[in-house]
Amino acid sequence: MRFPLSSVMLASALCASVCISSGTALAAAESQDPVRMAVVSAPDADFITNVFGTLLKKAGYNIQYVHTDYTAQFTAIELGDLEISPAIWSSSPELIAAALASGSVTKVGSVGVKIRETWWYPNYVAELCPGLPDWKALKNPACIKALSNPETDGKINYLGTPADFDADDERRIAALGLDVHITLPGTMAAMVATMQGAIERKKPIIGFGFVPHWLYGSGVGTFVDFPPYEDACRSDPAWGVNPDLVGDCALPTGDIIELINNDFAKREPNVTGLLKKFVLTNDDVAWGILKQDKGGLTPEAAAAEWISANEKTWSPWLQ
């Protein structure tokens, strides 16, 4: 699912953040200093972050949500401008590796949510592109024509991601020799709405998709099978089908992980303990996204509804 903010931009984001006062403590909070976490305008990540933030509030902590980009949070956690992110997609291996290599950030564990993100198409598109889900079907002239439009100069019109995502699409397109034009949506909500609108009209379309998600995981579409990811794909041109370029593979599959600033972890070890207990399912996150996309809820409201309905799940975590 996802470039660092300058110090000025981050300071502005901190000033614009929302501070939530603590409630009745169920576990001892070491400090009343705000615990700062990123919200990144992604319904999956923001739902997870708000669920965990609500749990911290119940444990007696003050929570501060900082509005920033997905990719910017890595540097912010490293510098101590954010304390935690409980919603990092492991399909961003270079960003994660750089944060961990700084010596200032630790991976606490996994939220328990399994992920996949890559190109996705509605099932009816397979009739226009025989051979799908194999990526080589996208090189067929008939498929290219079916998925192009007058604005793409004879290339496939691919519905890409918001600009701050780490989707690696440009390198993939170049390395695999695909005739593809990338159309960038302004937000994830626009990306999903455009895909859903095309499906309702049975319009040929291909775009970025991911699970967990209520649409991309619903069975109405299929992921493209690119060459499976290996680390060498991003560093060694000799790896893969193109001996001259890197990037000729899918994004890595994996899970959603939790990162914490090391200095903060030393000051407030109970937060690390809660992170280690914190577990959600794919269905939980897909539900949270659906509540936002179709139910009109904010991430905060969706998280509050989940908390209300799942006390038997989370209450032992606070003991």
Protein backbone atom coordinates (compact mmCIF):
# COMPACT_ATOMS: atom_id res chain seq x y z
CA MET A 1 0.00 0.00 0.00
CA ARG A 2 3.21 4.39 0.30
CA PHE A 3 8.86 11.20 0.70
CA PRO A 4 9.93 12.32 3.91
CA LEU A 5 8.51 15.58 5.26
CA SER A 6 10.93 18.42 5.85
CA SER A 7 11.28 19.50 9.44
CA VAL A 8 9.12 22.54 8.68
CA MET A 9 6.36 20.44 7.15
CA LEU A 10 6.47 17.99 10.04
CA ALA A 11 6.27 20.80 12.57
CA SER A 12 3.21 22.12 10.76
CA ALA A 13 1.68 18.68 10.78
CA LEU A 14 2.27 18.37 14.51
CA CYS A 15 0.61 21.72 15.13
CA ALA A 16 -2.38 20.63 13.04
CA SER A 17 -2.68 17.27 14.76
CA VAL A 18 -5.58 16.24 16.97
CA CYS A 19 -4.86 15.68 20.67
CA ILE A 20 -7.07 13.29 22.61
CA SER A 21 -7.18 13.40 26.37
CA SER A 22 -6.83 10.22 28.33
CA GLY A 23 -9.71 8.31 29.88
CA THR A 24 -9.88 5.96 32.83
CA ALA A 25 -6.71 3.88 32.95
CA LEU A 26 -7.01 0.11 32.67
CA ALA A 27 -3.22 -0.28 32.74
CA ALA A 28 -0.54 2.04 34.13
CA ALA A 29 0.64 4.74 31.73
CA GLU A 30 4.25 5.68 32.46
CA SER A 31 3.76 9.27 31.27
CA GLN A 32 1.14 11.80 30.20
CA ASP A 33 3.34 13.01 27.33
CA PRO A 34 1.43 12.57 24.05
CA VAL A 35 2.01 9.39 22.08
CA ARG A 36 2.24 10.56 18.47
CA MET A 37 1.11 8.30 15.63
CA ALA A 38 0.68 8.97 11.91
CA VAL A 39 -2.61 9.10 10.08
CA VAL A 40 -1.93 8.87 6.36
CA SER A 41 -5.30 9.22 4.60
CA ALA A 42 -5.41 5.49 3.93
CA PRO A 43 -8.52 3.83 5.38
CA ASP A 44 -6.79 0.56 6.22
CA ALA A 45 -3.81 2.10 8.03
CA ASP A 46 -5.87 4.83 9.69
CA PHE A 47 -8.41 2.31 10.99
CA ILE A 48 -5.65 0.19 12.54
CA THR A 49 -3.95 3.26 14.02
CA ASN A 50 -7.18 4.54 15.52
CA VAL A 51 -8.05 1.17 17.05
CA PHE A 52 -4.64 1.03 18.71
CA GLY A 53 -4.85 4.68 19.71
CA THR A 54 -8.22 4.07 21.36
CA LEU A 55 -6.73 1.19 23.31
CA LEU A 56 -3.88 3.42 24.48
CA LYS A 57 -6.40 6.04 25.54
CA LYS A 58 -8.24 3.40 27.59
CA ALA A 59 -4.91 2.51 29.18
CA GLY A 60 -4.47 6.11 30.33
CA TYR A 61 -2.27 7.59 27.62
CA ASN A 62 -2.69 10.85 25.73
CA ILE A 63 -2.79 10.26 21.97
CA GLN A 64 -1.82 12.69 19.24
CA TYR A 65 -2.62 11.84 15.63
CA VAL A 66 -0.24 13.51 13.15
CA HIS A 67 -1.44 13.94 9.57
CA THR A 68 1.40 13.04 7.20
CA ASP A 69 2.29 10.92 4.17
CA TYR A 70 2.72 7.16 4.43
CA THR A 71 6.36 7.33 3.37
CA ALA A 72 7.16 10.36 5.56
CA GLN A 73 6.35 8.50 8.76
CA PHE A 74 9.44 6.29 8.48
CA THR A 75 11.83 9.23 8.85
CA ALA A 76 9.58 10.78 11.49
CA ILE A 77 9.71 7.65 13.67
CA GLU A 78 13.48 7.49 13.18
CA LEU A 79 13.89 11.13 14.30
CA GLY A 80 11.50 10.78 17.23
CA ASP A 81 8.89 13.10 15.73
CA LEU A 82 6.50 10.14 15.87
CA GLU A 83 6.60 7.42 18.50
CA ILE A 84 4.76 4.50 16.87
CA SER A 85 3.22 3.15 13.72
CA PRO A 86 1.11 0.02 14.16
CA ALA A 87 0.19 -0.05 10.44
CA ILE A 88 3.26 -0.54 8.23
CA TRP A 89 2.84 -2.68 5.12
CA SER A 90 5.75 -5.10 4.71
CA SER A 91 5.52 -4.53 0.93
CA SER A 92 7.68 -1.41 1.54
CA PRO A 93 10.92 -3.34 2.22
CA GLU A 94 13.36 -0.56 1.36
CA LEU A 95 11.65 1.98 3.61
CA ILE A 96 11.46 -0.52 6.46
CA ALA A 97 15.09 -1.59 6.04
CA ALA A 98 16.31 2.02 6.05
CA ALA A 99 14.36 2.78 9.25
CA LEU A 100 15.68 -0.30 11.04
CA ALA A 101 19.24 0.37 9.82
CA SER A 102 19.15 3.79 11.47
CA GLY A 103 19.39 2.13 14.87
CA SER A 104 16.56 4.32 16.15
CA VAL A 105 13.61 2.11 15.18
CA THR A 106 12.56 -1.42 16.15
CA LYS A 107 10.05 -3.77 14.59
CA VAL A 108 7.82 -4.90 17.45
CA GLY A 109 5.87 -7.55 15.57
CA SER A 110 2.97 -8.17 13.23
CA VAL A 111 -0.64 -7.07 13.60
CA GLY A 112 -1.63 -10.47 12.19
CA VAL A 113 -3.05 -9.13 8.93
CA LYS A 114 -1.86 -10.80 5.72
CA ILE A 115 -1.45 -8.51 2.71
CA ARG A 116 -1.16 -8.56 -1.02
CA GLU A 117 -1.02 -5.52 -3.29
CA THR A 118 -0.49 -5.48 -7.02
CA TRP A 119 -2.40 -4.87 -10.23
CA TRP A 120 -6.04 -5.97 -10.19
CA TYR A 121 -8.80 -6.28 -12.76
CA PRO A 122 -12.53 -7.12 -12.71
CA ASN A 123 -13.11 -10.71 -13.78
CA TYR A 124 -14.89 -9.72 -17.03
CA VAL A 125 -11.63 -8.15 -18.28
CA ALA A 126 -10.18 -11.65 -18.66
CA GLU A 127 -12.44 -12.11 -21.68
CA LEU A 128 -10.69 -9.18 -23.35
CA CYS A 129 -7.22 -10.30 -22.36
CA PRO A 130 -6.95 -14.09 -22.75
CA GLY A 131 -4.12 -15.43 -20.64
CA LEU A 132 -4.79 -13.31 -17.57
CA PRO A 133 -3.87 -13.40 -14.73
CA ASP A 134 -0.42 -14.07 -16.27
CA TRP A 135 1.17 -10.63 -16.74
CA LYS A 136 2.32 -11.52 -20.25
CA ALA A 137 -1.31 -11.26 -21.41
CA LEU A 138 -0.92 -7.49 -21.01
CA LYS A 139 1.53 -7.49 -23.94
CA ASN A 140 -1.09 -8.84 -26.33
CA PRO A 141 -2.09 -6.11 -28.86
CA ALA A 142 -5.78 -6.93 -28.50
CA CYS A 143 -5.55 -6.57 -24.73
CA ILE A 144 -3.67 -3.29 -25.02
CA LYS A 145 -6.34 -1.93 -27.35
CA ALA A 146 -9.19 -3.06 -25.09
CA LEU A 147 -7.67 -1.36 -22.03
CA SER A 148 -6.57 1.86 -23.75
CA ASN A 149 -8.51 5.07 -24.28
CA PRO A 150 -8.06 8.14 -26.54
CA GLU A 151 -5.98 9.94 -23.88
CA THR A 152 -3.39 7.17 -23.44
CA ASP A 153 -1.92 7.19 -26.98
CA GLY A 154 -2.57 3.50 -27.65
CA LYS A 155 -1.30 2.34 -24.25
CA ILE A 156 -3.13 0.49 -21.49
CA ASN A 157 -4.74 2.96 -19.11
CA TYR A 158 -3.67 1.74 -15.67
CA LEU A 159 -5.37 3.24 -12.62
CA GLY A 160 -2.42 3.75 -10.31
CA THR A 161 -2.07 4.82 -6.68
CA PRO A 162 -1.96 8.11 -4.80
CA ALA A 163 1.43 9.75 -5.28
CA ASP A 164 2.86 8.85 -1.86
CA PHE A 165 2.41 5.09 -2.28
CA ASP A 166 5.45 2.86 -2.74
CA ALA A 167 3.91 0.84 -5.60
CA ASP A 168 7.06 0.71 -7.80
CA ASP A 169 4.87 0.76 -10.93
CA GLU A 170 7.14 2.85 -13.18
CA ARG A 171 10.10 0.50 -12.70
CA ARG A 172 7.87 -2.53 -13.22
CA ILE A 173 6.41 -1.16 -16.44
CA ALA A 174 9.85 -0.31 -17.83
CA ALA A 175 11.48 -3.57 -16.78
CA LEU A 176 8.71 -5.75 -18.18
CA GLY A 177 8.36 -3.73 -21.39
CA LEU A 178 4.66 -2.98 -20.91
CA ASP A 179 2.79 -0.38 -23.00
CA VAL A 180 1.09 1.29 -20.05
CA HIS A 181 0.05 4.82 -19.17
CA ILE A 182 -0.39 5.47 -15.43
CA THR A 183 -3.35 7.56 -14.35
CA LEU A 184 -2.86 8.73 -10.76
CA PRO A 185 -5.89 9.26 -8.50
CA GLY A 186 -5.66 12.03 -5.95
CA THR A 187 -6.65 9.82 -3.03
CA MET A 188 -7.27 6.21 -2.18
CA ALA A 189 -10.98 6.95 -1.99
CA ALA A 190 -10.89 8.25 -5.58
CA MET A 191 -8.95 5.16 -6.65
CA VAL A 192 -11.55 2.80 -5.20
CA ALA A 193 -14.51 4.85 -6.44
CA THR A 194 -13.12 4.93 -9.99
CA MET A 195 -12.67 1.18 -10.00
CA GLN A 196 -16.11 0.54 -8.54
CA GLY A 197 -17.74 2.88 -11.06
CA ALA A 198 -16.09 1.07 -13.95
CA ILE A 199 -17.28 -2.28 -12.58
CA GLU A 200 -20.85 -1.03 -12.32
CA ARG A 201 -20.72 -0.02 -16.02
CA LYS A 202 -18.77 -3.15 -17.05
CA LYS A 203 -16.11 -0.85 -18.43
CA PRO A 204 -12.69 -2.37 -19.25
CA ILE A 205 -10.26 -1.33 -16.54
CA ILE A 206 -7.12 -2.42 -14.75
CA GLY A 207 -5.61 -0.78 -11.69
CA PHE A 208 -3.86 -1.14 -8.38
CA GLY A 209 -5.58 -3.26 -5.76
CA PHE A 210 -4.85 -4.72 -2.37
CA VAL A 211 -6.13 -6.95 0.39
CA PRO A 212 -7.47 -6.75 2.98
CA HIS A 213 -10.23 -4.72 1.30
CA TRP A 214 -13.98 -5.09 0.86
CA LEU A 215 -13.79 -4.61 -2.97
CA TYR A 216 -10.46 -6.13 -3.97
CA GLY A 217 -11.00 -9.13 -1.72
CA SER A 218 -14.63 -9.70 -2.70
CA GLY A 219 -14.10 -12.15 -5.56
CA VAL A 220 -15.33 -9.80 -8.31
CA GLY A 221 -11.78 -9.42 -9.58
CA THR A 222 -8.38 -11.03 -9.76
CA PHE A 223 -4.79 -9.98 -9.12
CA VAL A 224 -2.26 -10.01 -11.97
CA ASP A 225 0.47 -12.61 -11.48
CA PHE A 226 3.80 -10.87 -11.99
CA PRO A 227 7.09 -12.71 -11.34
CA PRO A 228 7.23 -13.33 -7.58
CA TYR A 229 9.24 -10.85 -5.54
CA GLU A 230 12.77 -11.52 -4.36
CA ASP A 231 15.10 -8.91 -2.84
CA ALA A 232 17.43 -9.20 -5.85
CA CYS A 233 14.61 -7.94 -8.07
CA ARG A 234 15.17 -4.40 -6.78
CA SER A 235 18.97 -4.45 -6.75
CA ASP A 236 20.34 -6.85 -9.39
CA PRO A 237 19.45 -6.28 -13.07
CA ALA A 238 20.60 -9.81 -13.89
CA TRP A 239 17.73 -11.18 -11.81
CA GLY A 240 14.48 -11.84 -13.62
CA VAL A 241 13.20 -11.66 -17.17
CA ASN A 242 14.97 -8.38 -18.05
CA PRO A 243 18.76 -8.64 -17.66
CA ASP A 244 19.23 -4.88 -17.99
CA LEU A 245 16.75 -3.37 -15.52
CA VAL A 246 15.63 -3.90 -11.94
CA GLY A 247 11.99 -4.03 -10.90
CA ASP A 248 10.72 -6.88 -13.07
CA CYS A 249 8.63 -8.48 -10.31
CA ALA A 250 5.57 -8.08 -8.11
CA LEU A 251 5.53 -6.27 -4.81
CA PRO A 252 6.30 -8.59 -1.91
CA THR A 253 3.41 -10.19 -0.09
CA GLY A 254 3.56 -10.32 3.68
CA ASP A 255 1.84 -8.71 6.62
CA ILE A 256 1.20 -5.47 8.46
CA ILE A 257 3.93 -4.76 11.00
CA GLU A 258 4.47 -2.40 13.94
CA LEU A 259 7.41 0.01 14.29
CA ILE A 260 8.41 1.96 17.40
CA ASN A 261 11.02 4.61 18.18
CA ASN A 262 13.66 3.06 20.42
CA ASP A 263 13.96 5.96 22.87
CA PHE A 264 10.22 5.98 23.37
CA ALA A 265 10.15 2.21 23.83
CA LYS A 266 12.69 2.55 26.66
CA ARG A 267 10.70 5.32 28.34
CA GLU A 268 7.32 3.62 28.07
CA PRO A 269 7.74 -0.18 27.88
CA ASN A 270 4.06 -0.85 28.58
CA VAL A 271 3.23 0.50 25.13
CA THR A 272 5.56 -2.06 23.57
CA GLY A 273 3.84 -4.74 25.62
CA LEU A 274 0.44 -3.68 24.32
CA LEU A 275 1.73 -3.62 20.73
CA LYS A 276 2.88 -7.21 21.12
CA LYS A 277 -0.63 -8.25 22.18
CA PHE A 278 -2.46 -6.18 19.57
CA VAL A 279 -3.92 -8.41 16.83
CA LEU A 280 -6.48 -7.80 14.11
CA THR A 281 -7.72 -10.05 11.30
CA ASN A 282 -8.06 -9.42 7.59
CA ASP A 283 -11.82 -9.38 8.07
CA ASP A 284 -11.50 -6.73 10.81
CA VAL A 285 -9.55 -4.39 8.51
CA ALA A 286 -11.78 -5.03 5.48
CA TRP A 287 -14.77 -4.22 7.72
CA GLY A 288 -13.11 -1.00 8.89
CA ILE A 289 -12.44 0.10 5.30
CA LEU A 290 -16.03 -0.73 4.28
CA LYS A 291 -17.41 1.35 7.17
CA GLN A 292 -15.45 4.32 5.84
CA ASP A 293 -15.93 3.83 2.08
CA LYS A 294 -19.60 2.82 2.10
CA GLY A 295 -20.83 3.78 5.56
CA GLY A 296 -19.40 7.28 5.58
CA LEU A 297 -17.62 6.86 8.91
CA THR A 298 -14.34 8.51 9.80
CA PRO A 299 -11.45 6.22 10.78
CA GLU A 300 -12.02 7.32 14.39
CA ALA A 301 -15.71 6.40 14.26
CA ALA A 302 -15.05 3.05 12.57
CA ALA A 303 -12.44 2.24 15.23
CA ALA A 304 -14.85 3.24 18.00
CA GLU A 305 -17.51 0.94 16.58
CA TRP A 306 -15.03 -1.95 16.41
CA ILE A 307 -13.93 -1.31 20.00
CA SER A 308 -17.55 -1.28 21.17
CA ALA A 309 -18.33 -4.58 19.44
CA ASN A 310 -15.15 -6.44 20.41
CA GLU A 311 -14.51 -5.81 24.10
CA LYS A 312 -14.01 -9.52 24.77
CA THR A 313 -11.17 -9.48 22.24
CA TRP A 314 -9.25 -6.42 23.42
CA SER A 315 -9.92 -6.18 27.14
CA PRO A 316 -7.38 -8.93 28.05
CA TRP A 317 -4.68 -6.94 26.21
CA LEU A 318 -4.97 -4.19 28.80
CA GLN A 319 -4.52 -6.45 31.83
